[in-house]
Protein backbone atom coordinates (compact mmCIF):
# COMPACT_ATOMS: atom_id res chain seq x y z
CA MET A 1 6.80 -17.00 -6.77
CA TYR A 2 9.64 -15.46 -8.76
CA ARG A 3 13.20 -16.71 -8.00
CA TYR A 4 16.35 -14.77 -8.89
CA ASP A 5 18.23 -15.90 -11.95
CA GLN A 6 22.03 -15.38 -12.44
CA TYR A 7 21.52 -11.82 -13.58
CA ASP A 8 19.58 -10.84 -10.49
CA HIS A 9 22.12 -12.41 -8.18
CA GLN A 10 25.06 -10.64 -9.99
CA ILE A 11 23.27 -7.22 -10.13
CA VAL A 12 22.46 -7.33 -6.41
CA LYS A 13 25.84 -8.55 -5.44
CA GLU A 14 27.59 -5.81 -7.37
CA ARG A 15 25.25 -3.13 -5.99
CA ILE A 16 25.94 -4.13 -2.40
CA ALA A 17 29.74 -4.06 -2.96
CA GLN A 18 29.34 -0.61 -4.57
CA TYR A 19 27.23 0.65 -1.66
CA ARG A 20 29.54 -0.81 0.96
CA ASP A 21 32.36 1.27 -0.46
CA GLN A 22 30.15 4.31 -0.48
CA VAL A 23 29.30 3.82 3.17
CA ARG A 24 33.01 3.41 3.98
CA ARG A 25 33.73 6.73 2.27
CA ARG A 26 30.91 8.49 4.06
CA LEU A 27 32.08 7.23 7.47
CA SER A 28 35.64 8.38 6.77
CA ASP A 29 34.33 11.79 5.55
CA GLU A 30 35.57 11.21 2.04
CA LEU A 31 31.95 11.80 0.98
CA ALA A 32 29.91 14.75 2.45
CA GLU A 33 26.31 14.11 3.37
CA ASP A 34 25.10 16.02 0.29
CA GLU A 35 27.22 13.76 -1.91
CA PHE A 36 26.19 10.62 -0.03
CA ARG A 37 22.47 11.40 0.04
CA ILE A 38 21.77 10.51 -3.57
CA LEU A 39 23.72 7.34 -3.23
CA ARG A 40 21.96 6.10 -0.09
CA LEU A 41 18.53 7.00 -1.48
CA GLN A 42 19.29 4.73 -4.46
CA ASN A 43 19.54 1.96 -1.90
CA GLY A 44 16.34 2.82 0.02
CA LEU A 45 18.07 4.52 2.92
CA TYR A 46 16.48 7.64 4.36
CA MET A 47 17.61 9.97 7.18
CA GLN A 48 14.62 10.52 9.49
CA ARG A 49 14.17 12.52 12.69
CA HIS A 50 16.05 10.12 14.95
CA ALA A 51 17.83 7.57 12.83
CA TYR A 52 18.20 6.14 9.36
CA MET A 53 15.25 4.28 7.90
CA LEU A 54 15.71 1.44 5.41
CA ARG A 55 12.90 0.56 3.05
CA VAL A 56 13.03 -2.96 1.66
CA ALA A 57 11.36 -3.83 -1.65
CA VAL A 58 8.64 -6.49 -1.68
CA PRO A 59 7.82 -6.86 -5.34
CA TYR A 60 4.04 -6.69 -5.86
CA GLY A 61 3.66 -7.61 -2.18
CA LEU A 62 4.59 -11.32 -2.47
CA LEU A 63 6.79 -12.92 0.13
CA SER A 64 8.13 -16.37 0.98
CA SER A 65 8.26 -17.57 4.58
CA ALA A 66 12.05 -17.41 4.45
CA GLN A 67 11.92 -13.71 3.43
CA MET A 68 9.38 -12.94 6.27
CA ARG A 69 11.75 -14.70 8.68
CA MET A 70 14.59 -12.51 7.41
CA PHE A 71 12.52 -9.49 8.27
CA GLY A 72 12.12 -10.79 11.76
CA HIS A 73 15.87 -11.33 11.99
CA ILE A 74 16.65 -7.79 10.75
CA ALA A 75 14.13 -6.36 13.21
CA ARG A 76 15.71 -8.19 16.05
CA LYS A 77 19.44 -7.75 15.17
CA TYR A 78 19.54 -4.34 13.55
CA ASP A 79 16.42 -2.43 14.59
CA ARG A 80 14.31 -2.13 17.80
CA GLY A 81 12.45 -5.38 17.37
CA TYR A 82 9.86 -4.48 14.73
CA GLY A 83 9.21 -3.48 11.12
CA HIS A 84 6.56 -1.30 9.45
CA PHE A 85 4.64 -2.40 6.43
CA THR A 86 3.86 0.45 3.94
CA THR A 87 1.19 1.44 1.43
CA ARG A 88 3.47 0.32 -1.38
CA GLN A 89 3.53 -3.30 -0.01
CA ASN A 90 7.15 -2.77 1.27
CA ILE A 91 8.60 -2.88 4.72
CA GLN A 92 10.58 -0.19 6.56
CA PHE A 93 12.95 -0.43 9.46
CA ASN A 94 13.09 2.88 11.39
CA TRP A 95 16.17 2.58 13.68
CA ILE A 96 19.08 1.63 11.50
CA ASN A 97 22.71 2.40 12.00
CA LEU A 98 24.48 3.49 8.86
CA GLU A 99 27.60 1.34 9.34
CA GLU A 100 25.40 -1.75 9.52
CA THR A 101 23.40 -1.20 6.29
CA PRO A 102 25.75 -3.00 3.92
CA ASP A 103 25.52 -6.09 6.20
CA ILE A 104 21.73 -5.86 6.22
CA LEU A 105 21.61 -5.64 2.37
CA THR A 106 23.88 -8.67 2.28
CA GLU A 107 21.61 -10.67 4.56
CA LEU A 108 18.59 -9.64 2.46
CA ALA A 109 20.35 -10.86 -0.71
CA SER A 110 20.67 -14.25 0.85
CA VAL A 111 16.86 -14.61 0.58
CA GLU A 112 16.71 -12.79 -2.79
CA MET A 113 15.67 -9.35 -1.55
CA HIS A 114 17.01 -5.84 -1.83
CA ALA A 115 16.21 -2.17 -1.38
CA ILE A 116 16.91 -1.01 -4.92
CA GLN A 117 14.51 1.71 -6.28
CA THR A 118 12.53 2.00 -3.07
CA SER A 119 13.42 5.70 -3.18
CA GLY A 120 14.61 8.25 -5.71
CA ASN A 121 13.12 9.68 -8.93
CA CYS A 122 12.73 6.27 -10.54
CA ILE A 123 10.04 3.63 -11.08
CA ARG A 124 9.21 2.40 -7.58
CA ASN A 125 7.80 -0.94 -6.47
CA THR A 126 4.85 -2.01 -8.70
CA THR A 127 1.90 -2.80 -6.45
CA SER A 128 -0.70 -5.46 -7.15
CA ASP A 129 -3.71 -7.33 -5.75
CA GLU A 130 -2.99 -9.16 -2.53
CA LEU A 131 -5.41 -11.83 -3.73
CA ALA A 132 -3.66 -12.22 -7.15
CA GLY A 133 -3.94 -15.77 -8.33
CA VAL A 134 -6.63 -16.84 -5.88
CA ALA A 135 -9.39 -14.20 -6.17
CA ALA A 136 -12.76 -15.46 -7.11
CA ASP A 137 -13.34 -12.43 -9.43
CA GLU A 138 -9.97 -12.58 -11.15
CA ILE A 139 -9.80 -12.19 -14.90
CA VAL A 140 -6.09 -12.91 -15.24
CA ASP A 141 -3.35 -13.27 -12.67
CA PRO A 142 -1.52 -9.91 -12.86
CA ARG A 143 1.71 -11.13 -11.14
CA PRO A 144 3.60 -12.19 -14.29
CA TYR A 145 3.03 -8.76 -15.82
CA ALA A 146 4.08 -7.15 -12.54
CA GLU A 147 7.30 -9.25 -12.56
CA ILE A 148 7.99 -8.30 -16.20
CA ILE A 149 7.61 -4.62 -15.26
CA ARG A 150 9.95 -5.17 -12.34
CA GLU A 151 12.63 -6.71 -14.54
CA TRP A 152 12.21 -4.04 -17.19
CA SER A 153 12.26 -1.07 -14.80
CA THR A 154 15.10 -2.13 -12.46
CA PHE A 155 18.10 -0.06 -13.40
CA HIS A 156 16.46 1.06 -16.66
CA PRO A 157 19.10 3.68 -17.76
CA GLU A 158 16.56 5.91 -19.56
CA PHE A 159 14.29 6.22 -16.52
CA ALA A 160 16.86 6.24 -13.65
CA TYR A 161 16.43 10.08 -13.14
CA LEU A 162 12.90 10.89 -13.90
CA PRO A 163 11.47 14.33 -12.99
CA ARG A 164 9.95 12.74 -9.91
CA LYS A 165 9.23 9.30 -8.32
CA PHE A 166 6.94 7.12 -10.43
CA LYS A 167 4.38 4.53 -9.28
CA ILE A 168 2.58 1.79 -11.22
CA GLY A 169 -0.26 -0.31 -9.98
CA ILE A 170 -1.74 -3.35 -11.75
CA ASN A 171 -5.11 -5.07 -11.12
CA GLY A 172 -6.22 -8.38 -12.65
CA ALA A 173 -9.65 -8.68 -11.13
CA VAL A 174 -13.14 -7.18 -11.50
CA GLU A 175 -12.81 -5.36 -8.20
CA ASP A 176 -9.88 -2.97 -7.97
CA ARG A 177 -7.95 -3.86 -4.79
CA VAL A 178 -4.92 -1.92 -5.91
CA ALA A 179 -6.11 1.70 -5.87
CA THR A 180 -4.95 2.05 -9.40
CA ALA A 181 -6.64 5.44 -9.90
CA ILE A 182 -4.15 7.16 -7.65
CA HIS A 183 -1.09 5.82 -9.48
CA ASP A 184 1.03 7.53 -12.08
CA ILE A 185 0.04 4.60 -14.26
CA GLY A 186 -2.83 2.33 -13.37
CA LEU A 187 -3.35 -0.95 -15.29
CA HIS A 188 -6.60 -2.87 -15.26
CA VAL A 189 -6.81 -6.28 -16.94
CA ILE A 190 -9.92 -6.55 -19.07
CA LYS A 191 -11.39 -8.78 -21.81
CA ASN A 192 -12.95 -7.34 -24.90
CA GLU A 193 -16.04 -8.70 -26.71
CA GLN A 194 -13.83 -11.17 -28.57
CA GLY A 195 -12.50 -12.61 -25.27
CA GLU A 196 -9.08 -11.15 -25.91
CA ILE A 197 -6.98 -9.93 -22.87
CA GLY A 198 -5.81 -6.34 -22.68
CA PHE A 199 -5.39 -3.40 -20.38
CA ARG A 200 -7.38 -0.30 -19.58
CA VAL A 201 -4.66 2.24 -18.94
CA LEU A 202 -4.98 5.23 -16.60
CA VAL A 203 -2.35 7.90 -16.31
CA GLY A 204 -1.79 10.87 -14.17
CA GLY A 205 -3.28 9.81 -10.88
CA GLY A 206 -1.76 10.78 -7.59
CA MET A 207 -2.16 12.48 -4.22
CA GLY A 208 0.07 14.95 -2.47
CA ARG A 209 -0.56 18.67 -2.91
CA THR A 210 -2.65 18.13 -6.00
CA PRO A 211 -4.71 15.00 -5.62
CA ILE A 212 -6.03 13.75 -8.94
CA ILE A 213 -7.90 10.62 -10.08
CA GLY A 214 -6.08 9.15 -13.12
CA SER A 215 -7.51 9.67 -16.65
CA VAL A 216 -8.07 6.89 -19.17
CA ILE A 217 -5.44 7.17 -21.84
CA CYS A 218 -6.28 3.87 -23.51
CA GLU A 219 -9.51 1.91 -23.19
CA PHE A 220 -8.13 -1.38 -24.47
CA LEU A 221 -4.44 -2.04 -24.99
CA PRO A 222 -3.61 -5.62 -26.21
CA TRP A 223 -1.39 -7.37 -23.62
CA GLN A 224 1.43 -7.74 -26.22
CA HIS A 225 1.95 -4.00 -26.25
CA ILE A 226 1.90 -3.29 -22.57
CA MET A 227 5.67 -2.75 -22.20
CA THR A 228 6.12 -0.52 -25.28
CA TYR A 229 3.14 1.62 -24.31
CA LEU A 230 4.48 2.07 -20.77
CA GLU A 231 7.81 3.07 -22.37
CA ALA A 232 6.06 5.66 -24.55
CA ILE A 233 4.17 7.09 -21.57
CA LEU A 234 7.44 7.43 -19.55
CA ARG A 235 9.40 8.92 -22.46
CA VAL A 236 6.91 11.77 -22.95
CA TYR A 237 6.92 12.40 -19.16
CA ASN A 238 10.69 12.16 -18.97
CA GLN A 239 11.09 14.77 -21.72
CA TYR A 240 8.43 17.24 -20.75
CA GLY A 241 7.83 16.75 -16.99
CA ARG A 242 8.88 19.74 -14.93
CA ARG A 243 12.28 19.54 -13.24
CA ASP A 244 12.30 23.21 -12.14
CA ASN A 245 9.74 22.72 -9.33
CA ILE A 246 9.59 19.60 -7.17
CA TYR A 247 5.99 20.40 -6.30
CA LYS A 248 5.02 20.32 -9.92
CA ALA A 249 7.15 17.53 -11.22
CA ARG A 250 4.76 14.56 -11.09
CA ILE A 251 3.24 13.22 -14.28
CA LYS A 252 -0.23 14.26 -13.07
CA ILE A 253 0.74 17.96 -13.38
CA LEU A 254 1.94 17.46 -16.94
CA VAL A 255 -1.28 15.58 -17.91
CA LYS A 256 -3.40 18.28 -16.25
CA ALA A 257 -1.42 21.08 -17.89
CA ILE A 258 -1.73 19.87 -21.50
CA GLY A 259 -4.88 17.74 -21.13
CA ILE A 260 -5.37 13.97 -21.52
CA ASP A 261 -6.15 14.20 -25.18
CA GLU A 262 -2.87 16.03 -26.01
CA TYR A 263 -0.93 13.69 -23.76
CA ARG A 264 -2.52 10.68 -25.50
CA ARG A 265 -1.53 12.14 -28.82
CA GLN A 266 2.05 12.57 -27.82
CA VAL A 267 2.29 9.12 -26.37
CA GLU A 268 0.84 7.49 -29.44
CA GLN A 269 3.17 9.42 -31.64
CA GLU A 270 6.10 8.22 -29.57
CA TRP A 271 4.68 4.67 -29.46
CA LEU A 272 4.57 4.31 -33.25
CA ASP A 273 8.37 4.10 -33.26
CA ILE A 274 8.57 1.24 -30.80
CA LYS A 275 5.12 -0.43 -30.94
CA ASP A 276 6.28 -3.50 -32.82
CA GLY A 277 9.89 -3.42 -31.84
CA PRO A 278 11.94 -5.62 -29.46
CA GLY A 279 9.96 -4.46 -26.45
CA THR A 280 6.84 -6.16 -27.76
CA LEU A 281 5.79 -8.86 -25.27
CA THR A 282 5.66 -12.35 -26.71
CA ALA A 283 3.69 -15.37 -25.65
CA GLU A 284 6.93 -17.19 -24.96
CA GLU A 285 8.24 -14.51 -22.61
CA LEU A 286 4.85 -14.21 -20.79
CA SER A 287 4.84 -17.99 -20.42
CA ARG A 288 8.39 -18.02 -19.06
CA VAL A 289 7.51 -15.54 -16.39
CA ALA A 290 4.11 -17.02 -15.62
CA ALA A 291 5.78 -20.34 -14.88
CA PHE A 292 7.07 -18.82 -11.67
CA PHE A 293 3.44 -18.33 -10.53
CA THR A 294 1.96 -21.66 -10.98
CA MET A 295 -0.87 -22.81 -8.73
CA PRO A 296 0.08 -24.64 -5.49
CA ALA A 297 -0.61 -28.34 -5.04
CA TYR A 298 -4.21 -27.88 -3.97
CA ALA A 299 -5.99 -30.89 -2.60
CA ALA A 300 -9.38 -31.87 -3.92
CA LEU A 301 -11.63 -30.66 -1.02
CA PRO A 302 -15.32 -30.21 -0.36
CA ALA A 303 -16.57 -26.60 -0.47
CA THR A 304 -17.01 -26.64 3.34
CA ASP A 305 -16.19 -28.70 6.44
CA ALA A 306 -18.56 -29.99 9.15
CA GLU A 307 -16.27 -28.99 12.09
CA PHE A 308 -15.79 -25.57 10.50
CA GLU A 309 -19.56 -25.10 10.20
CA LYS A 310 -20.05 -26.12 13.83
CA ASN A 311 -17.40 -23.76 15.08
CA LYS A 312 -18.94 -20.85 12.98
CA THR A 313 -22.33 -21.53 14.40
CA GLU A 314 -21.34 -21.85 18.06
CA ASN A 315 -18.55 -19.28 18.34
CA LYS A 316 -19.58 -15.67 17.79
CA ALA A 317 -16.02 -14.33 17.94
CA PHE A 318 -14.94 -16.79 15.26
CA LYS A 319 -17.89 -15.92 13.14
CA ASN A 320 -17.12 -12.22 13.28
CA TRP A 321 -13.50 -12.90 12.33
CA LEU A 322 -14.70 -14.92 9.33
CA SER A 323 -16.95 -12.12 8.24
CA ARG A 324 -14.20 -9.56 8.17
CA ASN A 325 -10.80 -11.31 7.83
CA VAL A 326 -11.52 -14.26 5.54
CA LYS A 327 -11.91 -13.77 1.79
CA GLN A 328 -13.39 -16.01 -0.84
CA HIS A 329 -10.95 -18.25 -2.81
CA LYS A 330 -11.48 -19.50 -6.31
CA VAL A 331 -10.54 -23.10 -5.38
CA PRO A 332 -13.25 -25.07 -3.40
CA GLY A 333 -12.23 -25.81 0.14
CA TYR A 334 -9.75 -22.93 0.49
CA ALA A 335 -9.97 -19.37 1.72
CA ALA A 336 -7.61 -16.33 2.00
CA VAL A 337 -6.96 -15.05 5.48
CA VAL A 338 -6.06 -11.40 6.33
CA LEU A 339 -3.93 -11.09 9.39
CA SER A 340 -4.73 -7.71 10.96
CA LEU A 341 -1.85 -5.48 11.93
CA LYS A 342 -4.35 -3.04 13.44
CA LYS A 343 -4.84 -4.18 17.01
CA THR A 344 -5.73 -1.28 19.33
CA GLY A 345 -2.64 0.14 20.96
CA VAL A 346 -0.30 -0.82 18.16
CA PRO A 347 0.77 1.58 15.35
CA PRO A 348 -1.02 0.53 12.08
CA GLY A 349 1.24 -1.63 9.90
CA ASP A 350 3.77 -2.48 12.68
CA ALA A 351 4.81 -6.07 13.31
CA THR A 352 7.26 -7.24 15.96
CA ALA A 353 10.12 -9.57 15.28
CA GLU A 354 8.11 -12.36 17.04
CA GLN A 355 5.02 -11.67 14.87
CA LEU A 356 7.11 -11.69 11.66
CA ASP A 357 8.55 -15.07 12.58
CA PHE A 358 5.10 -16.34 13.58
CA MET A 359 3.54 -15.25 10.30
CA ALA A 360 6.23 -17.16 8.50
CA GLU A 361 5.46 -20.20 10.58
CA LEU A 362 1.77 -19.87 9.75
CA ALA A 363 2.56 -19.61 6.12
CA ASP A 364 4.64 -22.78 6.22
CA ARG A 365 2.02 -24.70 8.12
CA TYR A 366 -1.15 -23.50 6.40
CA SER A 367 -0.41 -21.62 3.22
CA PHE A 368 2.25 -23.21 1.06
CA GLY A 369 5.01 -21.03 2.51
CA GLU A 370 3.82 -17.74 0.91
CA LEU A 371 2.42 -14.48 2.23
CA ARG A 372 1.14 -11.25 0.73
CA VAL A 373 1.34 -7.62 1.96
CA THR A 374 -1.65 -5.41 1.37
CA HIS A 375 -1.51 -1.70 0.53
CA GLU A 376 -3.76 -1.30 3.57
CA GLN A 377 -0.79 -2.45 5.69
CA ASN A 378 -1.93 -5.96 6.62
CA VAL A 379 -0.67 -9.43 5.70
CA VAL A 380 -2.44 -12.23 3.81
CA LEU A 381 -2.26 -16.03 3.91
CA ALA A 382 -3.71 -16.63 0.53
CA ASP A 383 -4.25 -20.50 0.52
CA VAL A 384 -5.71 -21.69 3.80
CA ARG A 385 -7.87 -24.85 3.93
CA ILE A 386 -11.33 -24.06 5.28
CA ALA A 387 -10.89 -26.99 7.71
CA ASP A 388 -7.85 -25.12 9.13
CA LEU A 389 -9.46 -21.73 9.61
CA TYR A 390 -10.37 -22.28 13.29
CA ALA A 391 -6.80 -23.37 14.06
CA VAL A 392 -5.39 -20.37 12.16
CA TRP A 393 -7.76 -18.05 14.03
CA GLU A 394 -6.71 -19.39 17.43
CA ALA A 395 -3.09 -19.21 16.65
CA ALA A 396 -3.34 -15.65 15.18
CA LYS A 397 -5.23 -14.57 18.30
CA SER A 398 -2.40 -15.70 20.51
CA HIS A 399 -0.03 -13.30 18.69
CA GLY A 400 -2.33 -10.31 18.35
CA LEU A 401 -2.97 -10.85 14.63
CA ALA A 402 -6.73 -11.72 14.64
CA THR A 403 -8.55 -8.54 15.31
CA PRO A 404 -11.75 -8.86 13.32
CA ASN A 405 -11.62 -5.35 11.86
CA ILE A 406 -10.61 -5.59 8.24
CA GLY A 407 -12.54 -2.90 6.33
CA LEU A 408 -13.79 -1.41 9.59
CA LEU A 409 -13.06 1.86 11.33
CA THR A 410 -9.95 0.75 13.17
CA ASP A 411 -8.40 -0.86 10.03
CA MET A 412 -6.76 2.53 9.42
CA ILE A 413 -4.06 3.37 6.94
CA CYS A 414 -1.57 5.53 8.70
CA CYS A 415 1.92 6.82 7.85
CA PRO A 416 4.62 7.02 10.54
CA GLY A 417 4.16 10.80 10.62
CA GLY A 418 6.04 13.19 12.80
CA ASP A 419 7.19 10.55 15.21
CA PHE A 420 9.67 9.40 12.62
CA CYS A 421 9.48 11.31 9.25
CA SER A 422 11.43 14.54 8.94
CA LEU A 423 8.94 15.71 6.21
CA ALA A 424 5.87 15.47 8.41
CA ASN A 425 4.00 18.49 9.72
CA ALA A 426 2.28 16.62 12.53
CA LYS A 427 2.12 13.26 14.28
CA SER A 428 -0.04 10.53 12.83
CA LEU A 429 0.33 7.58 15.16
CA PRO A 430 -1.12 9.25 18.27
CA ILE A 431 -4.18 10.30 16.33
CA ALA A 432 -4.65 6.70 15.08
CA ALA A 433 -4.18 5.43 18.65
CA ALA A 434 -6.71 7.91 20.12
CA ILE A 435 -9.40 7.06 17.56
CA ALA A 436 -8.82 3.33 17.91
CA GLU A 437 -9.12 3.60 21.70
CA ARG A 438 -12.30 5.66 21.44
CA PHE A 439 -13.97 3.14 19.03
CA ASP A 440 -12.41 -0.08 20.35
CA ASN A 441 -15.90 -1.71 20.79
CA LEU A 442 -16.03 -4.30 18.02
CA ASP A 443 -19.82 -4.58 18.13
CA PHE A 444 -20.01 -0.87 17.43
CA GLN A 445 -17.53 -1.18 14.57
CA HIS A 446 -19.48 -4.08 12.97
CA ASP A 447 -22.69 -2.08 13.28
CA ILE A 448 -21.04 0.94 11.54
CA GLY A 449 -19.80 -1.42 8.78
CA ASP A 450 -17.38 -0.72 5.94
CA ILE A 451 -15.43 2.53 6.36
CA GLU A 452 -12.01 3.64 5.41
CA LEU A 453 -10.20 6.04 7.64
CA ASN A 454 -6.78 7.20 6.35
CA ILE A 455 -4.29 9.46 8.18
CA SER A 456 -1.26 11.39 6.71
CA GLY A 457 1.20 13.48 8.70
CA CYS A 458 1.89 15.82 5.80
CA ILE A 459 0.68 16.77 2.32
CA ASN A 460 2.81 14.08 0.74
CA ALA A 461 -0.14 11.81 1.53
CA CYS A 462 1.74 8.57 2.36
CA GLY A 463 -1.34 7.64 4.36
CA HIS A 464 -3.64 7.99 1.37
CA HIS A 465 -5.86 10.46 3.26
CA HIS A 466 -7.30 11.89 0.09
CA VAL A 467 -9.06 8.64 -0.73
CA GLY A 468 -10.19 7.75 2.72
CA ASN A 469 -13.95 7.83 3.31
CA ILE A 470 -12.70 9.92 6.20
CA GLY A 471 -9.27 11.49 5.62
CA ILE A 472 -7.12 13.18 8.17
CA LEU A 473 -4.13 15.44 7.26
CA GLY A 474 -1.63 16.85 9.65
CA VAL A 475 -0.91 20.52 9.12
CA ASP A 476 1.26 23.10 10.76
CA LYS A 477 -0.46 26.15 12.19
CA ASP A 478 2.04 28.64 13.62
CA GLY A 479 4.25 25.93 14.86
CA ALA A 480 1.43 23.81 16.36
CA GLU A 481 0.08 20.45 15.05
CA TRP A 482 -3.47 20.57 13.74
CA TYR A 483 -5.54 18.21 11.64
CA GLN A 484 -7.61 18.82 8.51
CA VAL A 485 -10.63 16.49 7.93
CA SER A 486 -12.11 15.48 4.60
CA ILE A 487 -14.91 13.06 3.77
CA GLY A 488 -16.11 11.29 0.57
CA GLY A 489 -12.82 9.90 -0.61
CA ALA A 490 -12.70 6.35 -1.94
CA GLN A 491 -10.39 3.88 -3.68
CA GLY A 492 -11.34 0.97 -5.83
CA ASN A 493 -13.77 0.94 -8.73
CA GLU A 494 -15.50 4.12 -7.79
CA SER A 495 -12.47 6.19 -6.72
CA SER A 496 -12.90 9.79 -5.55
CA ILE A 497 -11.10 12.57 -3.75
CA GLY A 498 -12.48 13.62 -0.42
CA LYS A 499 -13.62 17.13 0.32
CA ILE A 500 -12.40 19.20 3.24
CA ILE A 501 -15.20 19.90 5.68
CA GLY A 502 -13.83 23.12 7.18
CA PRO A 503 -11.18 24.57 9.59
CA SER A 504 -8.67 22.17 11.12
CA PHE A 505 -8.81 20.66 14.67
CA SER A 506 -6.32 20.09 17.47
CA ALA A 507 -5.14 16.56 18.22
CA TYR A 508 -7.31 16.43 21.38
CA GLN A 509 -10.43 17.11 19.38
CA MET A 510 -9.98 14.46 16.76
CA PRO A 511 -11.75 11.49 18.38
CA THR A 512 -14.80 13.65 19.01
CA VAL A 513 -14.78 14.93 15.45
CA ILE A 514 -14.86 11.31 14.22
CA GLU A 515 -17.62 10.58 16.65
CA ARG A 516 -19.75 13.46 15.28
CA LEU A 517 -19.15 12.35 11.65
CA LEU A 518 -20.33 8.89 12.57
CA GLN A 519 -23.44 10.29 14.39
CA VAL A 520 -24.52 11.98 11.09
CA TYR A 521 -23.95 8.74 9.21
CA VAL A 522 -25.97 6.62 11.72
CA ARG A 523 -28.76 9.20 11.69
CA ASP A 524 -29.03 9.58 7.91
CA ARG A 525 -28.05 6.28 6.43
CA ILE A 526 -30.59 4.11 4.72
CA GLU A 527 -30.77 0.52 5.90
CA ASP A 528 -27.34 -0.99 5.35
CA GLU A 529 -25.93 1.85 3.33
CA ARG A 530 -22.12 2.26 3.68
CA PHE A 531 -20.61 5.54 4.98
CA ILE A 532 -19.28 6.46 1.55
CA ASP A 533 -22.70 5.95 -0.05
CA THR A 534 -24.40 8.11 2.59
CA ALA A 535 -21.73 10.79 2.18
CA ARG A 536 -22.19 10.86 -1.61
CA ARG A 537 -25.96 10.94 -1.28
CA ILE A 538 -26.33 13.79 1.25
CA GLY A 539 -23.10 15.65 0.59
CA ILE A 540 -20.66 17.13 3.21
CA ALA A 541 -23.01 19.92 4.45
CA PRO A 542 -24.85 17.78 7.13
CA PHE A 543 -21.52 16.50 8.40
CA LYS A 544 -19.97 19.89 8.55
CA GLU A 545 -23.02 21.44 10.29
CA HIS A 546 -22.98 18.76 13.00
CA VAL A 547 -19.18 18.77 13.57
CA TYR A 548 -19.00 22.56 13.96
CA ALA A 549 -22.44 23.09 15.62
CA THR A 550 -21.14 23.23 19.15
CA PRO A 551 -17.63 23.60 20.55
CA ILE A 552 -15.75 20.39 21.16
CA LYS A 553 -14.73 20.17 24.76
CA VAL A 554 -11.28 18.68 25.19
CA VAL A 555 -8.94 17.99 28.02
CA GLN A 556 -5.38 19.02 27.08
CA ALA A 557 -2.16 17.61 28.50
CA THR A 558 -2.19 20.29 31.17
CA GLY A 559 -5.49 19.03 32.48
CA GLU A 560 -7.27 22.30 31.67
CA ASP A 561 -10.52 22.46 29.76
CA ALA A 562 -10.38 23.88 26.29
CA TYR A 563 -12.89 24.48 23.49
CA ALA A 564 -12.72 24.64 19.69
């Protein structure tokens, strides 16, 4: 993985010193909160409902075991004993004292981490495939390109104050595991008929108030030109993106307003001036960065193991875990393991200090000391020997990290919602907990099969509800918390935006709403058809009819019966 050079160390050291003085001035009231706000946001520090929240950058989701242990240390020393992994492959700490934040950043720097550009109207953390480098369907490892984008975008003076925050996702495999279609810029590695490597570039994707699937701006961009083309896209956006209205400031609004053809024309006109300039990526530079992502010292192993096969045959629970939480590896004898952070009763994406330490230990013992964070808020050990899978499963079980639900109903994406976020209209975590508890039967979940349920506490869509097969959005109705439901959303190669099925529901009704949606699916599916395929085939009408056919009886907190 990438290691800091002298410039990284110096930049981070100077930024911490600068920030420490800013905190001193804020605590002594030399800076008012309005003056301090923009300074703390540049360092990933938010003010939430109850305390400050610090968001730490995890570039393209790749962690060393030492860095994961540092998260455990911070959770234990500075927070309330846990951290929360996000949909941008970062981690957040929700109970931070302002006066301690410079010390936290200093400790992070000791393991080559920081919180720079995890907030603000700048280029945020570039996300990538959690199976990068090991995926069986990989065309090219995207991590060197993601690192080059990180180096280019960090403190880029031209793009430090964009009209709005800006997100880039890069995928190097046949299957899109990055949700590139909902990024401001989505990059897909492809090969042309001559076998040359390039990128299919999407622009203008996003969620929020105006959910949009990105449009293709370039079908094949030679890899050498990726950085200059990104610069051209950002320059046009920086110049013409709206700054008078925060709700219309994202690049998706600009692309929609002038059309993709006109946006492409302006980008290509801008690109002509820089296409073959100093920003052109050379083979030497790509090789320099790629050297940080060399393959581990894999052993020459058989494709399977006799003891492993025996355990798989004789242990149903182990077999279920293998079917959901273990992914194919391109090297014979190895597999990638997804550690589920979605155990019933635990907020999705949360990990205790003990679990953070334990995941680091697992990585050292079984996966060359590296871990990956997924945008679905789980953690991956990318290089586990097949012969070690049973031991990993047993160890993960003992720490609540082996729930066999990856890709299933309870593997929910969920933002912190109104329990923490000051922007939220409604709570997300209690809804996730109620649904998980209602459908905690793993046999039922395995029968239902692949389904993505995403929950957001407000229209900002941090829980990616727009692209959930079932999406739940918290809304405010006359000061009360209600929930709007959509179906038919999807990420990946066939991305789509879900459609709202009708009027919103109370929190108490939500588990029954999900139950009714699933009843239609089970009734109308064809053989092993996935939920999303059934929804696309029959449309939302049958789901809507069944959900609203009869009032949903609920028991409110007062113990009184109520009906929709």
